[in-house]
Each structure stands twice: as C-alpha cells, then as structure tokens.
Amino acid sequence: VEISETVLSRIRGATPEASAAVFREAYGAEFPYYEARAARKSWVENFI
C-alpha cells in the first residue's frame, strides 16, 4: 500500500490502538498493522 498524508496526519500522537483503527479504515480490516508497526519501529531504531 501507499501510505497517504491523511493517514500519517491522523496517526501522529495517537496510541497504537487508535492508529490500528485508522489503518483498518484506510486499507481494510486485513491489513497487518501491528506487523507493519514492528517493521517501522525496527527501521527507526536502526537509523537512530
């Protein structure tokens, strides 16, 4: 999927649960949000 600025703006400052709801709304109930979130976290931690 291609993440949109709308989704990015809605998840800024939100908890994982609230962010998961945004992703489900945008990309469907089957989107593996927590798996993707773990990958995003790993990416950021590697950079830092």
All heavy atoms as atom14 arrays in JSON, in Angstrom:
{
  "sequence": "VEISETVLSRIRGATPEASAAVFREAYGAEFPYYEARAARKSWVENFI",
  "atom14_mask": [
    [1, 1, 1, 1, 1, 1, 1, 0, 0, 0, 0, 0, 0, 0],
    [1, 1, 1, 1, 1, 1, 1, 1, 1, 0, 0, 0, 0, 0],
    [1, 1, 1, 1, 1, 1, 1, 1, 0, 0, 0, 0, 0, 0],
    [1, 1, 1, 1, 1, 1, 0, 0, 0, 0, 0, 0, 0, 0],
    [1, 1, 1, 1, 1, 1, 1, 1, 1, 0, 0, 0, 0, 0],
    [1, 1, 1, 1, 1, 1, 1, 0, 0, 0, 0, 0, 0, 0],
    [1, 1, 1, 1, 1, 1, 1, 0, 0, 0, 0, 0, 0, 0],
    [1, 1, 1, 1, 1, 1, 1, 1, 0, 0, 0, 0, 0, 0],
    [1, 1, 1, 1, 1, 1, 0, 0, 0, 0, 0, 0, 0, 0],
    [1, 1, 1, 1, 1, 1, 1, 1, 1, 1, 1, 0, 0, 0],
    [1, 1, 1, 1, 1, 1, 1, 1, 0, 0, 0, 0, 0, 0],
    [1, 1, 1, 1, 1, 1, 1, 1, 1, 1, 1, 0, 0, 0],
    [1, 1, 1, 1, 0, 0, 0, 0, 0, 0, 0, 0, 0, 0],
    [1, 1, 1, 1, 1, 0, 0, 0, 0, 0, 0, 0, 0, 0],
    [1, 1, 1, 1, 1, 1, 1, 0, 0, 0, 0, 0, 0, 0],
    [1, 1, 1, 1, 1, 1, 1, 0, 0, 0, 0, 0, 0, 0],
    [1, 1, 1, 1, 1, 1, 1, 1, 1, 0, 0, 0, 0, 0],
    [1, 1, 1, 1, 1, 0, 0, 0, 0, 0, 0, 0, 0, 0],
    [1, 1, 1, 1, 1, 1, 0, 0, 0, 0, 0, 0, 0, 0],
    [1, 1, 1, 1, 1, 0, 0, 0, 0, 0, 0, 0, 0, 0],
    [1, 1, 1, 1, 1, 0, 0, 0, 0, 0, 0, 0, 0, 0],
    [1, 1, 1, 1, 1, 1, 1, 0, 0, 0, 0, 0, 0, 0],
    [1, 1, 1, 1, 1, 1, 1, 1, 1, 1, 1, 0, 0, 0],
    [1, 1, 1, 1, 1, 1, 1, 1, 1, 1, 1, 0, 0, 0],
    [1, 1, 1, 1, 1, 1, 1, 1, 1, 0, 0, 0, 0, 0],
    [1, 1, 1, 1, 1, 0, 0, 0, 0, 0, 0, 0, 0, 0],
    [1, 1, 1, 1, 1, 1, 1, 1, 1, 1, 1, 1, 0, 0],
    [1, 1, 1, 1, 0, 0, 0, 0, 0, 0, 0, 0, 0, 0],
    [1, 1, 1, 1, 1, 0, 0, 0, 0, 0, 0, 0, 0, 0],
    [1, 1, 1, 1, 1, 1, 1, 1, 1, 0, 0, 0, 0, 0],
    [1, 1, 1, 1, 1, 1, 1, 1, 1, 1, 1, 0, 0, 0],
    [1, 1, 1, 1, 1, 1, 1, 0, 0, 0, 0, 0, 0, 0],
    [1, 1, 1, 1, 1, 1, 1, 1, 1, 1, 1, 1, 0, 0],
    [1, 1, 1, 1, 1, 1, 1, 1, 1, 1, 1, 1, 0, 0],
    [1, 1, 1, 1, 1, 1, 1, 1, 1, 0, 0, 0, 0, 0],
    [1, 1, 1, 1, 1, 0, 0, 0, 0, 0, 0, 0, 0, 0],
    [1, 1, 1, 1, 1, 1, 1, 1, 1, 1, 1, 0, 0, 0],
    [1, 1, 1, 1, 1, 0, 0, 0, 0, 0, 0, 0, 0, 0],
    [1, 1, 1, 1, 1, 0, 0, 0, 0, 0, 0, 0, 0, 0],
    [1, 1, 1, 1, 1, 1, 1, 1, 1, 1, 1, 0, 0, 0],
    [1, 1, 1, 1, 1, 1, 1, 1, 1, 0, 0, 0, 0, 0],
    [1, 1, 1, 1, 1, 1, 0, 0, 0, 0, 0, 0, 0, 0],
    [1, 1, 1, 1, 1, 1, 1, 1, 1, 1, 1, 1, 1, 1],
    [1, 1, 1, 1, 1, 1, 1, 0, 0, 0, 0, 0, 0, 0],
    [1, 1, 1, 1, 1, 1, 1, 1, 1, 0, 0, 0, 0, 0],
    [1, 1, 1, 1, 1, 1, 1, 1, 0, 0, 0, 0, 0, 0],
    [1, 1, 1, 1, 1, 1, 1, 1, 1, 1, 1, 0, 0, 0],
    [1, 1, 1, 1, 1, 1, 1, 1, 0, 0, 0, 0, 0, 0]
  ],
  "atom14_positions": [
    [[0.85, -1.19, 0.0], [0.0, 0.0, 0.0], [0.88, 1.24, 0.0], [2.05, 1.21, 0.41], [-0.95, 0.05, 1.22], [-1.86, -1.16, 1.25], [-0.17, 0.16, 2.52], [0.0, 0.0, 0.0], [0.0, 0.0, 0.0], [0.0, 0.0, 0.0], [0.0, 0.0, 0.0], [0.0, 0.0, 0.0], [0.0, 0.0, 0.0], [0.0, 0.0, 0.0]],
    [[0.31, 2.33, -0.47], [1.0, 3.62, -0.44], [0.37, 4.47, 0.65], [-0.8, 4.87, 0.54], [0.88, 4.32, -1.8], [1.61, 5.66, -1.87], [1.53, 6.3, -3.24], [1.07, 5.62, -4.19], [1.9, 7.47, -3.36], [0.0, 0.0, 0.0], [0.0, 0.0, 0.0], [0.0, 0.0, 0.0], [0.0, 0.0, 0.0], [0.0, 0.0, 0.0]],
    [[1.11, 4.75, 1.7], [0.54, 5.49, 2.82], [0.31, 6.94, 2.41], [1.13, 7.55, 1.73], [1.44, 5.39, 4.07], [0.67, 5.89, 5.31], [2.75, 6.13, 3.88], [1.33, 5.53, 6.62], [0.0, 0.0, 0.0], [0.0, 0.0, 0.0], [0.0, 0.0, 0.0], [0.0, 0.0, 0.0], [0.0, 0.0, 0.0], [0.0, 0.0, 0.0]],
    [[-0.82, 7.48, 2.82], [-1.19, 8.85, 2.42], [-0.86, 9.84, 3.53], [-0.7, 9.47, 4.71], [-2.69, 8.92, 2.13], [-3.43, 8.71, 3.33], [0.0, 0.0, 0.0], [0.0, 0.0, 0.0], [0.0, 0.0, 0.0], [0.0, 0.0, 0.0], [0.0, 0.0, 0.0], [0.0, 0.0, 0.0], [0.0, 0.0, 0.0], [0.0, 0.0, 0.0]],
    [[-0.78, 11.11, 3.16], [-0.56, 12.17, 4.15], [-1.72, 12.23, 5.14], [-1.52, 12.55, 6.3], [-0.39, 13.52, 3.45], [0.93, 13.7, 2.74], [2.11, 13.74, 3.7], [1.92, 14.08, 4.89], [3.23, 13.44, 3.26], [0.0, 0.0, 0.0], [0.0, 0.0, 0.0], [0.0, 0.0, 0.0], [0.0, 0.0, 0.0], [0.0, 0.0, 0.0]],
    [[-2.91, 11.9, 4.67], [-4.08, 11.91, 5.56], [-3.9, 10.89, 6.67], [-4.14, 11.19, 7.86], [-5.36, 11.61, 4.77], [-5.55, 12.61, 3.77], [-6.57, 11.57, 5.69], [0.0, 0.0, 0.0], [0.0, 0.0, 0.0], [0.0, 0.0, 0.0], [0.0, 0.0, 0.0], [0.0, 0.0, 0.0], [0.0, 0.0, 0.0], [0.0, 0.0, 0.0]],
    [[-3.49, 9.69, 6.31], [-3.28, 8.65, 7.33], [-2.15, 9.07, 8.26], [-2.26, 8.94, 9.5], [-2.97, 7.3, 6.67], [-2.51, 6.28, 7.7], [-4.21, 6.78, 5.95], [0.0, 0.0, 0.0], [0.0, 0.0, 0.0], [0.0, 0.0, 0.0], [0.0, 0.0, 0.0], [0.0, 0.0, 0.0], [0.0, 0.0, 0.0], [0.0, 0.0, 0.0]],
    [[-1.05, 9.56, 7.71], [0.08, 9.98, 8.54], [-0.35, 11.05, 9.54], [0.04, 11.01, 10.71], [1.21, 10.49, 7.66], [2.01, 9.43, 6.91], [2.88, 10.06, 5.84], [2.87, 8.61, 7.88], [0.0, 0.0, 0.0], [0.0, 0.0, 0.0], [0.0, 0.0, 0.0], [0.0, 0.0, 0.0], [0.0, 0.0, 0.0], [0.0, 0.0, 0.0]],
    [[-1.14, 12.0, 9.1], [-1.56, 13.09, 9.99], [-2.49, 12.57, 11.09], [-2.46, 13.06, 12.22], [-2.26, 14.2, 9.21], [-3.48, 13.76, 8.66], [0.0, 0.0, 0.0], [0.0, 0.0, 0.0], [0.0, 0.0, 0.0], [0.0, 0.0, 0.0], [0.0, 0.0, 0.0], [0.0, 0.0, 0.0], [0.0, 0.0, 0.0], [0.0, 0.0, 0.0]],
    [[-3.3, 11.57, 10.77], [-4.25, 11.05, 11.76], [-3.59, 10.18, 12.82], [-4.12, 10.05, 13.94], [-5.35, 10.25, 11.05], [-6.31, 11.11, 10.23], [-7.38, 10.26, 9.57], [-8.24, 9.62, 10.57], [-9.12, 8.66, 10.28], [-9.23, 8.23, 9.03], [-9.86, 8.14, 11.23], [0.0, 0.0, 0.0], [0.0, 0.0, 0.0], [0.0, 0.0, 0.0]],
    [[-2.43, 9.58, 12.49], [-1.79, 8.7, 13.48], [-0.73, 9.43, 14.3], [-0.24, 8.87, 15.29], [-1.16, 7.46, 12.81], [-0.02, 7.85, 11.87], [-2.23, 6.64, 12.1], [0.73, 6.65, 11.3], [0.0, 0.0, 0.0], [0.0, 0.0, 0.0], [0.0, 0.0, 0.0], [0.0, 0.0, 0.0], [0.0, 0.0, 0.0], [0.0, 0.0, 0.0]],
    [[-0.39, 10.66, 13.94], [0.59, 11.39, 14.73], [0.03, 11.67, 16.11], [-1.02, 12.26, 16.26], [0.98, 12.71, 14.04], [1.85, 12.5, 12.82], [2.32, 13.81, 12.19], [2.95, 13.52, 10.92], [2.55, 14.0, 9.74], [1.5, 14.81, 9.69], [3.19, 13.68, 8.64], [0.0, 0.0, 0.0], [0.0, 0.0, 0.0], [0.0, 0.0, 0.0]],
    [[0.76, 11.24, 17.14], [0.33, 11.47, 18.52], [-0.72, 10.49, 19.02], [-1.19, 10.61, 20.15], [0.0, 0.0, 0.0], [0.0, 0.0, 0.0], [0.0, 0.0, 0.0], [0.0, 0.0, 0.0], [0.0, 0.0, 0.0], [0.0, 0.0, 0.0], [0.0, 0.0, 0.0], [0.0, 0.0, 0.0], [0.0, 0.0, 0.0], [0.0, 0.0, 0.0]],
    [[-1.1, 9.51, 18.19], [-2.14, 8.55, 18.58], [-1.51, 7.27, 19.15], [-0.37, 6.93, 18.85], [-3.01, 8.19, 17.39], [0.0, 0.0, 0.0], [0.0, 0.0, 0.0], [0.0, 0.0, 0.0], [0.0, 0.0, 0.0], [0.0, 0.0, 0.0], [0.0, 0.0, 0.0], [0.0, 0.0, 0.0], [0.0, 0.0, 0.0], [0.0, 0.0, 0.0]],
    [[-2.27, 6.57, 19.99], [-1.8, 5.3, 20.53], [-1.82, 4.25, 19.42], [-2.47, 4.43, 18.38], [-2.71, 4.82, 21.68], [-4.03, 4.63, 21.16], [-2.74, 5.83, 22.81], [0.0, 0.0, 0.0], [0.0, 0.0, 0.0], [0.0, 0.0, 0.0], [0.0, 0.0, 0.0], [0.0, 0.0, 0.0], [0.0, 0.0, 0.0], [0.0, 0.0, 0.0]],
    [[-1.13, 3.11, 19.63], [-1.17, 2.04, 18.63], [-2.58, 1.58, 18.31], [-2.9, 1.29, 17.14], [-0.34, 0.93, 19.28], [0.61, 1.65, 20.16], [-0.16, 2.83, 20.71], [0.0, 0.0, 0.0], [0.0, 0.0, 0.0], [0.0, 0.0, 0.0], [0.0, 0.0, 0.0], [0.0, 0.0, 0.0], [0.0, 0.0, 0.0], [0.0, 0.0, 0.0]],
    [[-3.44, 1.49, 19.33], [-4.8, 1.03, 19.1], [-5.57, 2.0, 18.2], [-6.28, 1.59, 17.28], [-5.54, 0.86, 20.43], [-5.02, -0.27, 21.3], [-3.69, 0.04, 21.97], [-3.31, 1.24, 22.03], [-3.02, -0.9, 22.44], [0.0, 0.0, 0.0], [0.0, 0.0, 0.0], [0.0, 0.0, 0.0], [0.0, 0.0, 0.0], [0.0, 0.0, 0.0]],
    [[-5.41, 3.3, 18.47], [-6.08, 4.3, 17.63], [-5.51, 4.29, 16.22], [-6.25, 4.41, 15.23], [-5.94, 5.69, 18.26], [0.0, 0.0, 0.0], [0.0, 0.0, 0.0], [0.0, 0.0, 0.0], [0.0, 0.0, 0.0], [0.0, 0.0, 0.0], [0.0, 0.0, 0.0], [0.0, 0.0, 0.0], [0.0, 0.0, 0.0], [0.0, 0.0, 0.0]],
    [[-4.2, 4.11, 16.11], [-3.57, 4.06, 14.79], [-4.02, 2.84, 14.01], [-4.25, 2.91, 12.79], [-2.04, 4.05, 14.94], [-1.58, 5.23, 15.53], [0.0, 0.0, 0.0], [0.0, 0.0, 0.0], [0.0, 0.0, 0.0], [0.0, 0.0, 0.0], [0.0, 0.0, 0.0], [0.0, 0.0, 0.0], [0.0, 0.0, 0.0], [0.0, 0.0, 0.0]],
    [[-4.17, 1.71, 14.7], [-4.63, 0.5, 14.04], [-6.02, 0.71, 13.43], [-6.3, 0.23, 12.31], [-4.66, -0.67, 15.03], [0.0, 0.0, 0.0], [0.0, 0.0, 0.0], [0.0, 0.0, 0.0], [0.0, 0.0, 0.0], [0.0, 0.0, 0.0], [0.0, 0.0, 0.0], [0.0, 0.0, 0.0], [0.0, 0.0, 0.0], [0.0, 0.0, 0.0]],
    [[-6.88, 1.43, 14.14], [-8.22, 1.71, 13.62], [-8.14, 2.57, 12.36], [-8.91, 2.37, 11.4], [-9.06, 2.41, 14.69], [0.0, 0.0, 0.0], [0.0, 0.0, 0.0], [0.0, 0.0, 0.0], [0.0, 0.0, 0.0], [0.0, 0.0, 0.0], [0.0, 0.0, 0.0], [0.0, 0.0, 0.0], [0.0, 0.0, 0.0], [0.0, 0.0, 0.0]],
    [[-7.21, 3.54, 12.34], [-7.03, 4.39, 11.16], [-6.58, 3.54, 9.97], [-7.1, 3.69, 8.85], [-6.0, 5.5, 11.44], [-5.67, 6.27, 10.15], [-6.53, 6.46, 12.5], [0.0, 0.0, 0.0], [0.0, 0.0, 0.0], [0.0, 0.0, 0.0], [0.0, 0.0, 0.0], [0.0, 0.0, 0.0], [0.0, 0.0, 0.0], [0.0, 0.0, 0.0]],
    [[-5.64, 2.63, 10.2], [-5.15, 1.76, 9.12], [-6.25, 0.83, 8.62], [-6.38, 0.61, 7.41], [-3.95, 0.95, 9.6], [-2.63, 1.63, 9.36], [-2.2, 2.64, 10.2], [-1.83, 1.27, 8.29], [-0.99, 3.28, 9.99], [-0.62, 1.9, 8.06], [-0.19, 2.91, 8.92], [0.0, 0.0, 0.0], [0.0, 0.0, 0.0], [0.0, 0.0, 0.0]],
    [[-7.06, 0.29, 9.52], [-8.16, -0.59, 9.1], [-9.15, 0.17, 8.22], [-9.63, -0.35, 7.22], [-8.86, -1.18, 10.32], [-8.08, -2.27, 11.03], [-8.97, -3.06, 11.98], [-9.52, -2.2, 13.03], [-8.93, -2.01, 14.2], [-7.76, -2.59, 14.47], [-9.49, -1.23, 15.11], [0.0, 0.0, 0.0], [0.0, 0.0, 0.0], [0.0, 0.0, 0.0]],
    [[-9.43, 1.41, 8.62], [-10.36, 2.22, 7.85], [-9.8, 2.54, 6.46], [-10.53, 2.52, 5.47], [-10.64, 3.52, 8.6], [-11.58, 4.47, 7.88], [-11.76, 5.78, 8.63], [-11.61, 5.79, 9.87], [-12.03, 6.8, 7.96], [0.0, 0.0, 0.0], [0.0, 0.0, 0.0], [0.0, 0.0, 0.0], [0.0, 0.0, 0.0], [0.0, 0.0, 0.0]],
    [[-8.49, 2.82, 6.41], [-7.88, 3.25, 5.15], [-7.56, 2.08, 4.22], [-7.72, 2.19, 2.99], [-6.61, 4.05, 5.43], [0.0, 0.0, 0.0], [0.0, 0.0, 0.0], [0.0, 0.0, 0.0], [0.0, 0.0, 0.0], [0.0, 0.0, 0.0], [0.0, 0.0, 0.0], [0.0, 0.0, 0.0], [0.0, 0.0, 0.0], [0.0, 0.0, 0.0]],
    [[-7.1, 0.95, 4.79], [-6.55, -0.13, 3.96], [-7.24, -1.47, 4.15], [-6.8, -2.48, 3.59], [-5.05, -0.26, 4.23], [-4.31, 1.04, 4.04], [-3.64, 1.64, 5.09], [-4.32, 1.7, 2.8], [-2.98, 2.86, 4.93], [-3.67, 2.91, 2.63], [-3.0, 3.49, 3.69], [-2.37, 4.69, 3.53], [0.0, 0.0, 0.0], [0.0, 0.0, 0.0]],
    [[-8.31, -1.49, 4.93], [-9.07, -2.71, 5.1], [-8.73, -3.45, 6.38], [-7.64, -3.32, 6.94], [0.0, 0.0, 0.0], [0.0, 0.0, 0.0], [0.0, 0.0, 0.0], [0.0, 0.0, 0.0], [0.0, 0.0, 0.0], [0.0, 0.0, 0.0], [0.0, 0.0, 0.0], [0.0, 0.0, 0.0], [0.0, 0.0, 0.0], [0.0, 0.0, 0.0]],
    [[-9.68, -4.25, 6.83], [-9.55, -4.95, 8.11], [-8.43, -5.96, 8.11], [-7.92, -6.34, 9.18], [-10.87, -5.64, 8.46], [0.0, 0.0, 0.0], [0.0, 0.0, 0.0], [0.0, 0.0, 0.0], [0.0, 0.0, 0.0], [0.0, 0.0, 0.0], [0.0, 0.0, 0.0], [0.0, 0.0, 0.0], [0.0, 0.0, 0.0], [0.0, 0.0, 0.0]],
    [[-8.0, -6.41, 6.93], [-6.96, -7.44, 6.87], [-5.54, -6.88, 6.91], [-4.58, -7.65, 6.98], [-7.14, -8.27, 5.58], [-8.49, -8.96, 5.46], [-8.78, -9.84, 6.66], [-7.87, -10.61, 7.06], [-9.9, -9.76, 7.2], [0.0, 0.0, 0.0], [0.0, 0.0, 0.0], [0.0, 0.0, 0.0], [0.0, 0.0, 0.0], [0.0, 0.0, 0.0]],
    [[-5.41, -5.56, 6.85], [-4.05, -5.0, 6.85], [-3.36, -5.34, 8.17], [-3.9, -5.05, 9.25], [-4.08, -3.49, 6.65], [-2.7, -2.88, 6.54], [-2.05, -2.86, 5.33], [-2.05, -2.37, 7.66], [-0.77, -2.32, 5.21], [-0.78, -1.84, 7.56], [-0.13, -1.82, 6.33], [0.0, 0.0, 0.0], [0.0, 0.0, 0.0], [0.0, 0.0, 0.0]],
    [[-2.16, -5.93, 8.13], [-1.46, -6.36, 9.36], [-0.75, -5.19, 10.04], [0.48, -5.09, 10.03], [-0.47, -7.4, 8.83], [-0.14, -6.91, 7.44], [-1.4, -6.3, 6.91], [0.0, 0.0, 0.0], [0.0, 0.0, 0.0], [0.0, 0.0, 0.0], [0.0, 0.0, 0.0], [0.0, 0.0, 0.0], [0.0, 0.0, 0.0], [0.0, 0.0, 0.0]],
    [[-1.55, -4.34, 10.66], [-0.99, -3.1, 11.23], [0.14, -3.36, 12.21], [1.2, -2.73, 12.13], [-2.09, -2.28, 11.92], [-1.5, -1.17, 12.77], [-1.0, -0.01, 12.17], [-1.38, -1.3, 14.16], [-0.42, 0.99, 12.93], [-0.8, -0.3, 14.92], [-0.33, 0.84, 14.3], [0.26, 1.82, 15.07], [0.0, 0.0, 0.0], [0.0, 0.0, 0.0]],
    [[-0.05, -4.29, 13.14], [0.96, -4.47, 14.19], [2.25, -5.06, 13.63], [3.35, -4.76, 14.12], [0.38, -5.32, 15.33], [-0.64, -4.55, 16.13], [-2.0, -4.73, 15.93], [-0.24, -3.61, 17.07], [-2.94, -3.99, 16.64], [-1.16, -2.87, 17.8], [-2.52, -3.06, 17.58], [-3.44, -2.32, 18.27], [0.0, 0.0, 0.0], [0.0, 0.0, 0.0]],
    [[2.14, -5.88, 12.62], [3.34, -6.38, 11.95], [4.07, -5.24, 11.25], [5.31, -5.12, 11.33], [2.95, -7.47, 10.94], [4.14, -8.11, 10.24], [3.72, -9.17, 9.24], [2.54, -9.59, 9.26], [4.58, -9.58, 8.42], [0.0, 0.0, 0.0], [0.0, 0.0, 0.0], [0.0, 0.0, 0.0], [0.0, 0.0, 0.0], [0.0, 0.0, 0.0]],
    [[3.3, -4.39, 10.56], [3.9, -3.24, 9.89], [4.49, -2.26, 10.9], [5.56, -1.69, 10.67], [2.85, -2.54, 9.03], [0.0, 0.0, 0.0], [0.0, 0.0, 0.0], [0.0, 0.0, 0.0], [0.0, 0.0, 0.0], [0.0, 0.0, 0.0], [0.0, 0.0, 0.0], [0.0, 0.0, 0.0], [0.0, 0.0, 0.0], [0.0, 0.0, 0.0]],
    [[3.8, -2.08, 12.02], [4.29, -1.16, 13.05], [5.63, -1.66, 13.61], [6.55, -0.86, 13.86], [3.27, -1.02, 14.17], [3.69, -0.06, 15.28], [2.55, 0.14, 16.28], [2.9, 1.13, 17.27], [3.48, 0.85, 18.44], [3.76, -0.41, 18.75], [3.77, 1.81, 19.3], [0.0, 0.0, 0.0], [0.0, 0.0, 0.0], [0.0, 0.0, 0.0]],
    [[5.75, -2.96, 13.81], [7.01, -3.52, 14.3], [8.14, -3.29, 13.3], [9.28, -2.97, 13.69], [6.85, -5.0, 14.6], [0.0, 0.0, 0.0], [0.0, 0.0, 0.0], [0.0, 0.0, 0.0], [0.0, 0.0, 0.0], [0.0, 0.0, 0.0], [0.0, 0.0, 0.0], [0.0, 0.0, 0.0], [0.0, 0.0, 0.0], [0.0, 0.0, 0.0]],
    [[7.83, -3.42, 12.03], [8.83, -3.18, 10.98], [9.22, -1.71, 10.94], [10.4, -1.37, 10.78], [8.3, -3.62, 9.63], [0.0, 0.0, 0.0], [0.0, 0.0, 0.0], [0.0, 0.0, 0.0], [0.0, 0.0, 0.0], [0.0, 0.0, 0.0], [0.0, 0.0, 0.0], [0.0, 0.0, 0.0], [0.0, 0.0, 0.0], [0.0, 0.0, 0.0]],
    [[8.24, -0.83, 11.1], [8.53, 0.61, 11.14], [9.39, 0.96, 12.34], [10.36, 1.72, 12.24], [7.21, 1.39, 11.18], [7.35, 2.9, 11.03], [7.57, 3.61, 12.35], [6.47, 3.38, 13.26], [6.52, 3.69, 14.55], [7.62, 4.18, 15.09], [5.49, 3.44, 15.34], [0.0, 0.0, 0.0], [0.0, 0.0, 0.0], [0.0, 0.0, 0.0]],
    [[9.08, 0.38, 13.49], [9.85, 0.63, 14.7], [11.3, 0.17, 14.52], [12.25, 0.86, 14.91], [9.22, -0.1, 15.89], [9.94, 0.12, 17.21], [9.22, -0.6, 18.34], [9.96, -0.41, 19.66], [9.28, -1.13, 20.78], [0.0, 0.0, 0.0], [0.0, 0.0, 0.0], [0.0, 0.0, 0.0], [0.0, 0.0, 0.0], [0.0, 0.0, 0.0]],
    [[11.48, -1.01, 13.92], [12.83, -1.53, 13.68], [13.61, -0.62, 12.74], [14.8, -0.36, 12.95], [12.72, -2.94, 13.09], [14.0, -3.46, 12.79], [0.0, 0.0, 0.0], [0.0, 0.0, 0.0], [0.0, 0.0, 0.0], [0.0, 0.0, 0.0], [0.0, 0.0, 0.0], [0.0, 0.0, 0.0], [0.0, 0.0, 0.0], [0.0, 0.0, 0.0]],
    [[12.93, -0.1, 11.71], [13.58, 0.82, 10.76], [14.1, 2.06, 11.49], [15.25, 2.47, 11.3], [12.58, 1.21, 9.68], [13.17, 1.94, 8.51], [13.47, 1.43, 7.28], [13.51, 3.34, 8.44], [13.99, 2.41, 6.46], [14.03, 3.59, 7.15], [13.45, 4.39, 9.35], [14.46, 4.85, 6.74], [13.89, 5.65, 8.95], [14.38, 5.87, 7.67]],
    [[13.25, 2.65, 12.31], [13.63, 3.86, 13.03], [14.76, 3.58, 14.03], [15.72, 4.35, 14.14], [12.41, 4.47, 13.76], [12.84, 5.6, 14.68], [11.38, 4.97, 12.75], [0.0, 0.0, 0.0], [0.0, 0.0, 0.0], [0.0, 0.0, 0.0], [0.0, 0.0, 0.0], [0.0, 0.0, 0.0], [0.0, 0.0, 0.0], [0.0, 0.0, 0.0]],
    [[14.65, 2.47, 14.75], [15.68, 2.14, 15.74], [17.03, 1.9, 15.08], [18.08, 2.29, 15.62], [15.25, 0.93, 16.55], [14.12, 1.24, 17.53], [13.7, 0.03, 18.34], [14.12, -1.1, 17.98], [12.96, 0.21, 19.32], [0.0, 0.0, 0.0], [0.0, 0.0, 0.0], [0.0, 0.0, 0.0], [0.0, 0.0, 0.0], [0.0, 0.0, 0.0]],
    [[17.02, 1.26, 13.92], [18.28, 1.04, 13.2], [18.9, 2.36, 12.77], [20.12, 2.54, 12.85], [18.05, 0.14, 11.99], [17.77, -1.29, 12.37], [18.17, -1.75, 13.44], [17.1, -2.03, 11.5], [0.0, 0.0, 0.0], [0.0, 0.0, 0.0], [0.0, 0.0, 0.0], [0.0, 0.0, 0.0], [0.0, 0.0, 0.0], [0.0, 0.0, 0.0]],
    [[18.06, 3.28, 12.32], [18.57, 4.59, 11.91], [19.18, 5.32, 13.1], [20.3, 5.86, 13.02], [17.44, 5.44, 11.31], [17.89, 6.82, 10.89], [18.27, 7.06, 9.59], [17.93, 7.87, 11.8], [18.69, 8.32, 9.2], [18.35, 9.13, 11.43], [18.73, 9.36, 10.12], [0.0, 0.0, 0.0], [0.0, 0.0, 0.0], [0.0, 0.0, 0.0]],
    [[18.45, 5.34, 14.22], [18.92, 6.08, 15.4], [20.18, 5.44, 15.98], [21.08, 6.14, 16.47], [17.8, 6.18, 16.44], [16.7, 7.13, 15.91], [18.32, 6.65, 17.79], [15.49, 7.23, 16.78], [0.0, 0.0, 0.0], [0.0, 0.0, 0.0], [0.0, 0.0, 0.0], [0.0, 0.0, 0.0], [0.0, 0.0, 0.0], [0.0, 0.0, 0.0]]
  ]
}
